[in-house]
Amino acid sequence: MPRFPAASRDSVPQEQVAAFDAIVSSRNNVVPEMGPVAVQLHVPEIAQRGEVLRDYLRAGGSTLSDNVAELAMLTTARELDCQFIWHAHAAAGRRAGLSDALVDSLRDKQDLPELSSAEAAVINYGREFFRTRRVSQATFDAARAEFGDRGLIELTNLMGYYSVLAFNINAFEQLPPESEEPFLPV
């Protein structure tokens, strides 16, 4: 059960009504009732500023391929036990070319199938950071060799952005909508 009701135009700070209207307008005039934007919309300027980064990372500014971006989101979701992000991106990851074996093994914390160099770079980079709060030189160098300077910065910020979303989702107990994707075992 979510810890907050959905935000409304009347419930947000008066000085942020314009930001609320802009976010809702960008979403076909639908006020999100679940998920990270539903939480952030209580302080619309946070949602609005986050959308700028999301747009860059997801809507054409980034050099990361769709399968790399989806794997970065899934790695973040798995490492942070975030059901909502997992459900939002598992099927998208499969559509972007991630194998069922990879997605299922990642979800179930099982041994991973053979990985491409890009897949290994993403998973190793994310896992190492989330588990140790650092990235070793070898892991950093492997990811940099795979994605270049720009791509590595984009990968880092994509995982960081989805970490912010996961924090909001998990702290405010936003559960995913029904889907065919099994829940993360946590």
N, C-alpha and C. Protein backbone atom coordinates (compact mmCIF):
# COMPACT_ATOMS: atom_id res chain seq x y z
N MET A 1 0.85 -1.18 0.00
CA MET A 1 0.00 0.00 0.00
C MET A 1 0.89 1.24 0.00
N PRO A 2 0.76 2.12 -0.98
CA PRO A 2 1.58 3.33 -1.01
C PRO A 2 1.42 4.14 0.28
N ARG A 3 2.49 4.77 0.68
CA ARG A 3 2.48 5.54 1.92
C ARG A 3 1.92 6.94 1.75
N PHE A 4 1.78 7.39 0.52
CA PHE A 4 1.22 8.70 0.21
C PHE A 4 0.10 8.52 -0.79
N PRO A 5 -0.94 9.33 -0.73
CA PRO A 5 -1.93 9.33 -1.81
C PRO A 5 -1.31 10.05 -3.02
N ALA A 6 -1.95 9.91 -4.15
CA ALA A 6 -1.48 10.62 -5.34
C ALA A 6 -1.53 12.13 -5.10
N ALA A 7 -0.57 12.83 -5.66
CA ALA A 7 -0.56 14.29 -5.58
C ALA A 7 -1.70 14.85 -6.42
N SER A 8 -2.12 16.04 -6.08
CA SER A 8 -3.11 16.74 -6.90
C SER A 8 -2.65 18.19 -7.04
N ARG A 9 -3.24 18.87 -7.97
CA ARG A 9 -2.90 20.27 -8.19
C ARG A 9 -3.13 21.08 -6.91
N ASP A 10 -4.14 20.72 -6.15
CA ASP A 10 -4.46 21.44 -4.92
C ASP A 10 -3.55 21.08 -3.75
N SER A 11 -2.86 19.94 -3.84
CA SER A 11 -2.05 19.50 -2.70
C SER A 11 -0.59 19.93 -2.77
N VAL A 12 -0.16 20.44 -3.92
CA VAL A 12 1.26 20.81 -4.07
C VAL A 12 1.48 22.25 -3.60
N PRO A 13 2.72 22.59 -3.26
CA PRO A 13 3.00 23.98 -2.87
C PRO A 13 2.57 24.95 -3.97
N GLN A 14 1.94 26.02 -3.58
CA GLN A 14 1.38 26.98 -4.54
C GLN A 14 2.42 27.45 -5.56
N GLU A 15 3.66 27.69 -5.09
CA GLU A 15 4.69 28.19 -6.00
C GLU A 15 5.17 27.12 -6.99
N GLN A 16 4.67 25.89 -6.84
CA GLN A 16 5.09 24.82 -7.75
C GLN A 16 3.94 24.29 -8.61
N VAL A 17 2.82 24.99 -8.63
CA VAL A 17 1.68 24.56 -9.44
C VAL A 17 2.04 24.56 -10.92
N ALA A 18 2.80 25.53 -11.39
CA ALA A 18 3.18 25.56 -12.80
C ALA A 18 4.02 24.33 -13.16
N ALA A 19 4.91 23.93 -12.27
CA ALA A 19 5.72 22.72 -12.51
C ALA A 19 4.82 21.48 -12.52
N PHE A 20 3.86 21.43 -11.60
CA PHE A 20 2.89 20.33 -11.57
C PHE A 20 2.15 20.25 -12.91
N ASP A 21 1.64 21.40 -13.37
CA ASP A 21 0.91 21.44 -14.63
C ASP A 21 1.77 20.99 -15.80
N ALA A 22 3.04 21.37 -15.80
CA ALA A 22 3.94 21.00 -16.89
C ALA A 22 4.18 19.49 -16.92
N ILE A 23 4.39 18.89 -15.76
CA ILE A 23 4.60 17.44 -15.70
C ILE A 23 3.34 16.71 -16.15
N VAL A 24 2.21 17.10 -15.62
CA VAL A 24 0.95 16.44 -15.97
C VAL A 24 0.67 16.61 -17.47
N SER A 25 0.91 17.80 -17.99
CA SER A 25 0.70 18.05 -19.42
C SER A 25 1.59 17.16 -20.28
N SER A 26 2.84 16.96 -19.84
CA SER A 26 3.77 16.12 -20.61
C SER A 26 3.37 14.65 -20.58
N ARG A 27 2.46 14.28 -19.70
CA ARG A 27 1.99 12.90 -19.55
C ARG A 27 0.53 12.78 -19.99
N ASN A 28 0.18 13.52 -21.03
CA ASN A 28 -1.17 13.47 -21.59
C ASN A 28 -2.25 13.81 -20.57
N ASN A 29 -1.94 14.77 -19.69
CA ASN A 29 -2.87 15.25 -18.68
C ASN A 29 -3.34 14.17 -17.70
N VAL A 30 -2.47 13.19 -17.48
CA VAL A 30 -2.76 12.13 -16.52
C VAL A 30 -1.84 12.31 -15.32
N VAL A 31 -2.42 12.39 -14.14
CA VAL A 31 -1.63 12.48 -12.91
C VAL A 31 -1.24 11.06 -12.52
N PRO A 32 0.07 10.76 -12.51
CA PRO A 32 0.47 9.39 -12.14
C PRO A 32 0.08 9.08 -10.70
N GLU A 33 -0.46 7.89 -10.51
CA GLU A 33 -0.88 7.46 -9.18
C GLU A 33 0.09 6.47 -8.55
N MET A 34 1.00 5.92 -9.36
CA MET A 34 1.98 4.95 -8.87
C MET A 34 3.33 5.27 -9.48
N GLY A 35 4.37 4.82 -8.80
CA GLY A 35 5.71 4.94 -9.35
C GLY A 35 6.46 6.15 -8.83
N PRO A 36 7.68 6.31 -9.32
CA PRO A 36 8.54 7.37 -8.79
C PRO A 36 8.03 8.77 -9.08
N VAL A 37 7.45 8.99 -10.24
CA VAL A 37 6.94 10.33 -10.55
C VAL A 37 5.74 10.65 -9.67
N ALA A 38 4.96 9.65 -9.32
CA ALA A 38 3.83 9.88 -8.41
C ALA A 38 4.33 10.39 -7.06
N VAL A 39 5.46 9.87 -6.60
CA VAL A 39 6.05 10.35 -5.35
C VAL A 39 6.61 11.75 -5.55
N GLN A 40 7.44 11.93 -6.57
CA GLN A 40 8.12 13.20 -6.79
C GLN A 40 7.14 14.33 -7.10
N LEU A 41 5.99 14.00 -7.63
CA LEU A 41 5.02 15.03 -8.01
C LEU A 41 4.48 15.80 -6.81
N HIS A 42 4.69 15.30 -5.61
CA HIS A 42 4.32 16.06 -4.41
C HIS A 42 5.19 17.31 -4.27
N VAL A 43 6.38 17.28 -4.88
CA VAL A 43 7.26 18.45 -4.99
C VAL A 43 7.59 18.54 -6.48
N PRO A 44 6.71 19.14 -7.27
CA PRO A 44 6.78 19.07 -8.72
C PRO A 44 8.10 19.51 -9.34
N GLU A 45 8.78 20.46 -8.72
CA GLU A 45 10.06 20.88 -9.29
C GLU A 45 11.08 19.75 -9.28
N ILE A 46 11.03 18.87 -8.29
CA ILE A 46 11.91 17.71 -8.30
C ILE A 46 11.59 16.83 -9.49
N ALA A 47 10.31 16.54 -9.70
CA ALA A 47 9.89 15.72 -10.84
C ALA A 47 10.31 16.37 -12.15
N GLN A 48 10.09 17.66 -12.26
CA GLN A 48 10.40 18.38 -13.49
C GLN A 48 11.89 18.34 -13.79
N ARG A 49 12.71 18.56 -12.79
CA ARG A 49 14.16 18.56 -13.01
C ARG A 49 14.67 17.16 -13.31
N GLY A 50 14.08 16.16 -12.68
CA GLY A 50 14.44 14.78 -12.99
C GLY A 50 14.10 14.40 -14.42
N GLU A 51 12.99 14.94 -14.91
CA GLU A 51 12.57 14.64 -16.28
C GLU A 51 13.60 15.12 -17.30
N VAL A 52 14.30 16.19 -17.00
CA VAL A 52 15.32 16.69 -17.93
C VAL A 52 16.43 15.65 -18.08
N LEU A 53 16.89 15.09 -16.97
CA LEU A 53 17.92 14.06 -17.04
C LEU A 53 17.38 12.80 -17.70
N ARG A 54 16.16 12.40 -17.33
CA ARG A 54 15.56 11.21 -17.94
C ARG A 54 15.45 11.38 -19.45
N ASP A 55 15.01 12.54 -19.90
CA ASP A 55 14.88 12.78 -21.33
C ASP A 55 16.22 12.61 -22.04
N TYR A 56 17.27 13.14 -21.45
CA TYR A 56 18.59 13.00 -22.07
C TYR A 56 19.00 11.53 -22.12
N LEU A 57 18.87 10.85 -21.00
CA LEU A 57 19.35 9.47 -20.90
C LEU A 57 18.49 8.48 -21.68
N ARG A 58 17.20 8.76 -21.83
CA ARG A 58 16.28 7.79 -22.42
C ARG A 58 15.71 8.20 -23.77
N ALA A 59 15.75 9.46 -24.10
CA ALA A 59 15.01 9.90 -25.30
C ALA A 59 15.90 10.51 -26.37
N GLY A 60 17.08 9.97 -26.54
CA GLY A 60 17.83 10.40 -27.70
C GLY A 60 19.15 11.10 -27.47
N GLY A 61 19.45 11.55 -26.27
CA GLY A 61 20.73 12.22 -26.07
C GLY A 61 21.86 11.25 -25.82
N SER A 62 21.58 10.12 -25.22
CA SER A 62 22.60 9.18 -24.80
C SER A 62 23.13 8.35 -25.97
N THR A 63 24.39 7.95 -25.85
CA THR A 63 25.00 7.08 -26.86
C THR A 63 24.81 5.60 -26.52
N LEU A 64 24.22 5.30 -25.36
CA LEU A 64 24.04 3.91 -24.97
C LEU A 64 22.93 3.26 -25.79
N SER A 65 23.18 2.04 -26.24
CA SER A 65 22.15 1.31 -26.98
C SER A 65 21.00 0.94 -26.05
N ASP A 66 19.85 0.62 -26.62
CA ASP A 66 18.69 0.27 -25.81
C ASP A 66 18.96 -0.93 -24.91
N ASN A 67 19.64 -1.95 -25.44
CA ASN A 67 19.86 -3.14 -24.61
C ASN A 67 20.82 -2.84 -23.46
N VAL A 68 21.80 -1.99 -23.68
CA VAL A 68 22.72 -1.60 -22.60
C VAL A 68 21.97 -0.77 -21.56
N ALA A 69 21.16 0.18 -22.01
CA ALA A 69 20.40 1.02 -21.07
C ALA A 69 19.43 0.17 -20.26
N GLU A 70 18.71 -0.73 -20.90
CA GLU A 70 17.77 -1.59 -20.17
C GLU A 70 18.49 -2.49 -19.18
N LEU A 71 19.66 -3.01 -19.58
CA LEU A 71 20.42 -3.85 -18.65
C LEU A 71 20.92 -3.04 -17.46
N ALA A 72 21.29 -1.80 -17.68
CA ALA A 72 21.71 -0.93 -16.58
C ALA A 72 20.55 -0.70 -15.61
N MET A 73 19.35 -0.49 -16.15
CA MET A 73 18.18 -0.29 -15.29
C MET A 73 17.83 -1.57 -14.53
N LEU A 74 17.92 -2.70 -15.20
CA LEU A 74 17.62 -3.97 -14.54
C LEU A 74 18.66 -4.31 -13.47
N THR A 75 19.92 -4.03 -13.76
CA THR A 75 20.97 -4.26 -12.76
C THR A 75 20.71 -3.41 -11.53
N THR A 76 20.38 -2.16 -11.75
CA THR A 76 20.06 -1.25 -10.64
C THR A 76 18.85 -1.76 -9.86
N ALA A 77 17.81 -2.13 -10.57
CA ALA A 77 16.60 -2.63 -9.91
C ALA A 77 16.90 -3.88 -9.08
N ARG A 78 17.67 -4.80 -9.65
CA ARG A 78 17.98 -6.04 -8.94
C ARG A 78 18.83 -5.77 -7.71
N GLU A 79 19.86 -4.93 -7.85
CA GLU A 79 20.77 -4.65 -6.74
C GLU A 79 20.07 -3.89 -5.62
N LEU A 80 19.05 -3.10 -5.96
CA LEU A 80 18.33 -2.31 -4.96
C LEU A 80 16.98 -2.94 -4.61
N ASP A 81 16.75 -4.17 -5.09
CA ASP A 81 15.49 -4.90 -4.81
C ASP A 81 14.27 -4.04 -5.09
N CYS A 82 14.26 -3.39 -6.24
CA CYS A 82 13.17 -2.50 -6.60
C CYS A 82 12.20 -3.19 -7.57
N GLN A 83 11.10 -3.67 -7.00
CA GLN A 83 10.09 -4.39 -7.79
C GLN A 83 9.54 -3.53 -8.94
N PHE A 84 9.27 -2.27 -8.65
CA PHE A 84 8.61 -1.42 -9.63
C PHE A 84 9.49 -1.23 -10.88
N ILE A 85 10.76 -0.88 -10.69
CA ILE A 85 11.65 -0.70 -11.84
C ILE A 85 11.85 -2.02 -12.55
N TRP A 86 11.98 -3.11 -11.80
CA TRP A 86 12.14 -4.41 -12.44
C TRP A 86 10.96 -4.69 -13.37
N HIS A 87 9.75 -4.51 -12.86
CA HIS A 87 8.57 -4.77 -13.66
C HIS A 87 8.44 -3.81 -14.83
N ALA A 88 8.89 -2.60 -14.66
CA ALA A 88 8.81 -1.61 -15.74
C ALA A 88 9.80 -1.91 -16.86
N HIS A 89 10.87 -2.66 -16.57
CA HIS A 89 11.93 -2.80 -17.57
C HIS A 89 12.30 -4.23 -17.96
N ALA A 90 11.81 -5.25 -17.27
CA ALA A 90 12.18 -6.62 -17.65
C ALA A 90 11.71 -6.96 -19.06
N ALA A 91 10.46 -6.72 -19.36
CA ALA A 91 9.96 -7.01 -20.70
C ALA A 91 10.61 -6.11 -21.75
N ALA A 92 10.84 -4.85 -21.39
CA ALA A 92 11.52 -3.93 -22.33
C ALA A 92 12.94 -4.40 -22.60
N GLY A 93 13.61 -4.93 -21.58
CA GLY A 93 14.95 -5.47 -21.77
C GLY A 93 14.94 -6.66 -22.73
N ARG A 94 13.96 -7.52 -22.57
CA ARG A 94 13.84 -8.66 -23.48
C ARG A 94 13.59 -8.17 -24.92
N ARG A 95 12.70 -7.18 -25.07
CA ARG A 95 12.43 -6.63 -26.41
C ARG A 95 13.65 -5.96 -27.00
N ALA A 96 14.52 -5.42 -26.15
CA ALA A 96 15.73 -4.75 -26.63
C ALA A 96 16.84 -5.74 -26.96
N GLY A 97 16.60 -7.01 -26.73
CA GLY A 97 17.58 -8.02 -27.14
C GLY A 97 18.28 -8.76 -26.01
N LEU A 98 17.92 -8.48 -24.77
CA LEU A 98 18.51 -9.24 -23.67
C LEU A 98 17.85 -10.62 -23.66
N SER A 99 18.66 -11.64 -23.47
CA SER A 99 18.11 -13.00 -23.51
C SER A 99 17.25 -13.27 -22.28
N ASP A 100 16.29 -14.16 -22.47
CA ASP A 100 15.47 -14.59 -21.34
C ASP A 100 16.35 -15.17 -20.24
N ALA A 101 17.37 -15.94 -20.64
CA ALA A 101 18.26 -16.55 -19.65
C ALA A 101 18.96 -15.49 -18.82
N LEU A 102 19.40 -14.40 -19.45
CA LEU A 102 20.07 -13.33 -18.71
C LEU A 102 19.09 -12.64 -17.76
N VAL A 103 17.94 -12.25 -18.26
CA VAL A 103 16.96 -11.54 -17.43
C VAL A 103 16.52 -12.42 -16.26
N ASP A 104 16.21 -13.68 -16.55
CA ASP A 104 15.73 -14.58 -15.49
C ASP A 104 16.83 -14.85 -14.46
N SER A 105 18.06 -15.06 -14.91
CA SER A 105 19.17 -15.32 -13.98
C SER A 105 19.47 -14.11 -13.12
N LEU A 106 19.42 -12.93 -13.71
CA LEU A 106 19.63 -11.70 -12.96
C LEU A 106 18.54 -11.55 -11.90
N ARG A 107 17.29 -11.75 -12.30
CA ARG A 107 16.16 -11.65 -11.38
C ARG A 107 16.31 -12.61 -10.21
N ASP A 108 16.68 -13.85 -10.50
CA ASP A 108 16.70 -14.91 -9.49
C ASP A 108 18.04 -15.03 -8.76
N LYS A 109 18.98 -14.12 -9.06
CA LYS A 109 20.31 -14.15 -8.45
C LYS A 109 20.99 -15.50 -8.65
N GLN A 110 20.87 -16.00 -9.87
CA GLN A 110 21.50 -17.26 -10.26
C GLN A 110 22.76 -16.95 -11.07
N ASP A 111 23.56 -17.99 -11.33
CA ASP A 111 24.71 -17.81 -12.20
C ASP A 111 24.23 -17.28 -13.54
N LEU A 112 24.96 -16.31 -14.07
CA LEU A 112 24.56 -15.68 -15.33
C LEU A 112 25.03 -16.52 -16.51
N PRO A 113 24.27 -16.48 -17.61
CA PRO A 113 24.72 -17.17 -18.83
C PRO A 113 25.94 -16.44 -19.40
N GLU A 114 26.47 -16.98 -20.46
CA GLU A 114 27.60 -16.31 -21.11
C GLU A 114 27.15 -14.91 -21.56
N LEU A 115 27.98 -13.91 -21.24
CA LEU A 115 27.63 -12.52 -21.51
C LEU A 115 28.48 -11.95 -22.63
N SER A 116 27.91 -11.01 -23.35
CA SER A 116 28.71 -10.22 -24.28
C SER A 116 29.63 -9.31 -23.46
N SER A 117 30.62 -8.74 -24.09
CA SER A 117 31.51 -7.84 -23.35
C SER A 117 30.77 -6.63 -22.82
N ALA A 118 29.78 -6.13 -23.57
CA ALA A 118 28.99 -4.98 -23.11
C ALA A 118 28.13 -5.38 -21.91
N GLU A 119 27.49 -6.54 -21.97
CA GLU A 119 26.66 -7.00 -20.85
C GLU A 119 27.51 -7.19 -19.59
N ALA A 120 28.68 -7.81 -19.76
CA ALA A 120 29.56 -8.03 -18.61
C ALA A 120 30.01 -6.71 -18.01
N ALA A 121 30.33 -5.74 -18.88
CA ALA A 121 30.79 -4.44 -18.39
C ALA A 121 29.70 -3.75 -17.56
N VAL A 122 28.47 -3.79 -18.04
CA VAL A 122 27.36 -3.14 -17.32
C VAL A 122 27.12 -3.83 -15.98
N ILE A 123 26.97 -5.13 -16.00
CA ILE A 123 26.65 -5.85 -14.77
C ILE A 123 27.78 -5.75 -13.75
N ASN A 124 29.01 -5.95 -14.19
CA ASN A 124 30.13 -5.88 -13.25
C ASN A 124 30.28 -4.49 -12.66
N TYR A 125 30.12 -3.47 -13.47
CA TYR A 125 30.23 -2.08 -13.02
C TYR A 125 29.15 -1.77 -11.98
N GLY A 126 27.90 -2.11 -12.32
CA GLY A 126 26.79 -1.84 -11.41
C GLY A 126 26.87 -2.64 -10.13
N ARG A 127 27.10 -3.93 -10.27
CA ARG A 127 27.17 -4.78 -9.06
C ARG A 127 28.28 -4.32 -8.13
N GLU A 128 29.44 -4.06 -8.70
CA GLU A 128 30.56 -3.66 -7.85
C GLU A 128 30.27 -2.36 -7.12
N PHE A 129 29.71 -1.40 -7.82
CA PHE A 129 29.41 -0.14 -7.15
C PHE A 129 28.34 -0.32 -6.07
N PHE A 130 27.23 -0.96 -6.41
CA PHE A 130 26.14 -1.10 -5.45
C PHE A 130 26.54 -1.94 -4.24
N ARG A 131 27.43 -2.89 -4.44
CA ARG A 131 27.81 -3.77 -3.33
C ARG A 131 28.94 -3.22 -2.48
N THR A 132 29.82 -2.40 -3.08
CA THR A 132 30.99 -1.92 -2.32
C THR A 132 31.04 -0.40 -2.20
N ARG A 133 30.19 0.29 -2.92
CA ARG A 133 30.16 1.76 -3.00
C ARG A 133 31.41 2.31 -3.70
N ARG A 134 32.10 1.45 -4.42
CA ARG A 134 33.29 1.83 -5.18
C ARG A 134 33.33 0.99 -6.45
N VAL A 135 34.19 1.40 -7.38
CA VAL A 135 34.46 0.62 -8.59
C VAL A 135 35.96 0.48 -8.70
N SER A 136 36.45 -0.74 -8.78
CA SER A 136 37.88 -0.99 -8.89
C SER A 136 38.40 -0.44 -10.22
N GLN A 137 39.69 -0.24 -10.28
CA GLN A 137 40.30 0.26 -11.51
C GLN A 137 40.06 -0.70 -12.67
N ALA A 138 40.17 -2.00 -12.42
CA ALA A 138 39.97 -2.98 -13.49
C ALA A 138 38.54 -2.94 -14.04
N THR A 139 37.56 -2.84 -13.16
CA THR A 139 36.16 -2.77 -13.59
C THR A 139 35.88 -1.47 -14.32
N PHE A 140 36.43 -0.39 -13.79
CA PHE A 140 36.29 0.92 -14.43
C PHE A 140 36.90 0.89 -15.83
N ASP A 141 38.11 0.36 -15.94
CA ASP A 141 38.80 0.31 -17.23
C ASP A 141 38.05 -0.54 -18.25
N ALA A 142 37.48 -1.67 -17.80
CA ALA A 142 36.73 -2.52 -18.71
C ALA A 142 35.48 -1.80 -19.24
N ALA A 143 34.77 -1.10 -18.36
CA ALA A 143 33.59 -0.35 -18.80
C ALA A 143 33.98 0.82 -19.70
N ARG A 144 35.07 1.47 -19.38
CA ARG A 144 35.53 2.59 -20.21
C ARG A 144 35.95 2.11 -21.58
N ALA A 145 36.62 0.97 -21.64
CA ALA A 145 37.04 0.41 -22.93
C ALA A 145 35.82 0.04 -23.76
N GLU A 146 34.77 -0.43 -23.11
CA GLU A 146 33.56 -0.86 -23.81
C GLU A 146 32.73 0.32 -24.31
N PHE A 147 32.58 1.37 -23.49
CA PHE A 147 31.64 2.44 -23.80
C PHE A 147 32.28 3.79 -24.10
N GLY A 148 33.57 3.94 -23.86
CA GLY A 148 34.23 5.22 -24.04
C GLY A 148 33.92 6.15 -22.87
N ASP A 149 34.58 7.28 -22.86
CA ASP A 149 34.39 8.23 -21.76
C ASP A 149 32.94 8.69 -21.65
N ARG A 150 32.39 9.13 -22.78
CA ARG A 150 31.02 9.63 -22.75
C ARG A 150 30.03 8.55 -22.33
N GLY A 151 30.17 7.38 -22.92
CA GLY A 151 29.26 6.28 -22.60
C GLY A 151 29.35 5.86 -21.14
N LEU A 152 30.55 5.87 -20.59
CA LEU A 152 30.71 5.50 -19.18
C LEU A 152 30.07 6.53 -18.26
N ILE A 153 30.20 7.79 -18.61
CA ILE A 153 29.54 8.84 -17.82
C ILE A 153 28.02 8.69 -17.93
N GLU A 154 27.54 8.40 -19.13
CA GLU A 154 26.10 8.20 -19.30
C GLU A 154 25.62 6.97 -18.53
N LEU A 155 26.38 5.88 -18.58
CA LEU A 155 26.02 4.67 -17.85
C LEU A 155 25.96 4.95 -16.34
N THR A 156 26.97 5.64 -15.84
CA THR A 156 27.02 5.97 -14.42
C THR A 156 25.82 6.80 -14.01
N ASN A 157 25.49 7.80 -14.80
CA ASN A 157 24.36 8.67 -14.47
C ASN A 157 23.02 7.98 -14.67
N LEU A 158 22.92 7.07 -15.63
CA LEU A 158 21.69 6.29 -15.80
C LEU A 158 21.44 5.43 -14.56
N MET A 159 22.47 4.74 -14.10
CA MET A 159 22.32 3.92 -12.89
C MET A 159 22.05 4.81 -11.67
N GLY A 160 22.69 5.95 -11.61
CA GLY A 160 22.45 6.87 -10.50
C GLY A 160 21.02 7.41 -10.52
N TYR A 161 20.53 7.77 -11.69
CA TYR A 161 19.17 8.27 -11.81
C TYR A 161 18.16 7.20 -11.39
N TYR A 162 18.37 5.98 -11.86
CA TYR A 162 17.45 4.91 -11.48
C TYR A 162 17.59 4.53 -10.01
N SER A 163 18.73 4.81 -9.41
CA SER A 163 18.89 4.64 -7.96
C SER A 163 18.00 5.63 -7.21
N VAL A 164 17.95 6.87 -7.69
CA VAL A 164 17.06 7.87 -7.09
C VAL A 164 15.61 7.40 -7.20
N LEU A 165 15.25 6.91 -8.37
CA LEU A 165 13.88 6.43 -8.55
C LEU A 165 13.59 5.26 -7.62
N ALA A 166 14.54 4.33 -7.51
CA ALA A 166 14.35 3.16 -6.63
C ALA A 166 14.22 3.60 -5.18
N PHE A 167 14.99 4.59 -4.77
CA PHE A 167 14.89 5.09 -3.39
C PHE A 167 13.47 5.59 -3.14
N ASN A 168 12.94 6.38 -4.07
CA ASN A 168 11.57 6.90 -3.94
C ASN A 168 10.55 5.76 -3.92
N ILE A 169 10.70 4.82 -4.83
CA ILE A 169 9.74 3.73 -4.95
C ILE A 169 9.75 2.86 -3.69
N ASN A 170 10.95 2.47 -3.27
CA ASN A 170 11.05 1.57 -2.11
C ASN A 170 10.66 2.26 -0.81
N ALA A 171 11.10 3.51 -0.62
CA ALA A 171 10.78 4.22 0.62
C ALA A 171 9.30 4.52 0.75
N PHE A 172 8.65 4.82 -0.36
CA PHE A 172 7.23 5.18 -0.33
C PHE A 172 6.32 4.00 -0.69
N GLU A 173 6.91 2.82 -0.76
CA GLU A 173 6.19 1.56 -1.00
C GLU A 173 5.26 1.61 -2.21
N GLN A 174 5.84 1.97 -3.32
CA GLN A 174 5.11 1.96 -4.57
C GLN A 174 5.26 0.58 -5.21
N LEU A 175 4.20 -0.17 -5.31
CA LEU A 175 4.24 -1.50 -5.90
C LEU A 175 3.94 -1.42 -7.38
N PRO A 176 4.50 -2.36 -8.14
CA PRO A 176 4.26 -2.32 -9.59
C PRO A 176 2.85 -2.77 -9.92
N PRO A 177 2.37 -2.35 -11.09
CA PRO A 177 1.09 -2.86 -11.55
C PRO A 177 1.23 -4.34 -11.89
N GLU A 178 0.11 -5.01 -12.00
CA GLU A 178 0.13 -6.43 -12.37
C GLU A 178 0.83 -6.60 -13.72
N SER A 179 1.62 -7.68 -13.82
CA SER A 179 2.25 -8.01 -15.10
C SER A 179 2.56 -9.49 -15.08
N GLU A 180 3.02 -9.99 -16.20
CA GLU A 180 3.37 -11.41 -16.29
C GLU A 180 4.75 -11.67 -15.73
N GLU A 181 5.53 -10.64 -15.51
CA GLU A 181 6.89 -10.79 -14.98
C GLU A 181 6.83 -11.19 -13.51
N PRO A 182 7.51 -12.27 -13.14
CA PRO A 182 7.53 -12.65 -11.72
C PRO A 182 8.18 -11.57 -10.85
N PHE A 183 7.75 -11.50 -9.61
CA PHE A 183 8.35 -10.57 -8.66
C PHE A 183 9.79 -10.97 -8.39
N LEU A 184 10.59 -9.98 -8.02
CA LEU A 184 11.96 -10.26 -7.59
C LEU A 184 11.92 -11.04 -6.29
N PRO A 185 12.69 -12.10 -6.17
CA PRO A 185 12.78 -12.75 -4.87
C PRO A 185 13.66 -11.89 -3.96
N VAL A 186 13.08 -11.38 -2.90
CA VAL A 186 13.84 -10.54 -1.96
C VAL A 186 13.73 -11.08 -0.55
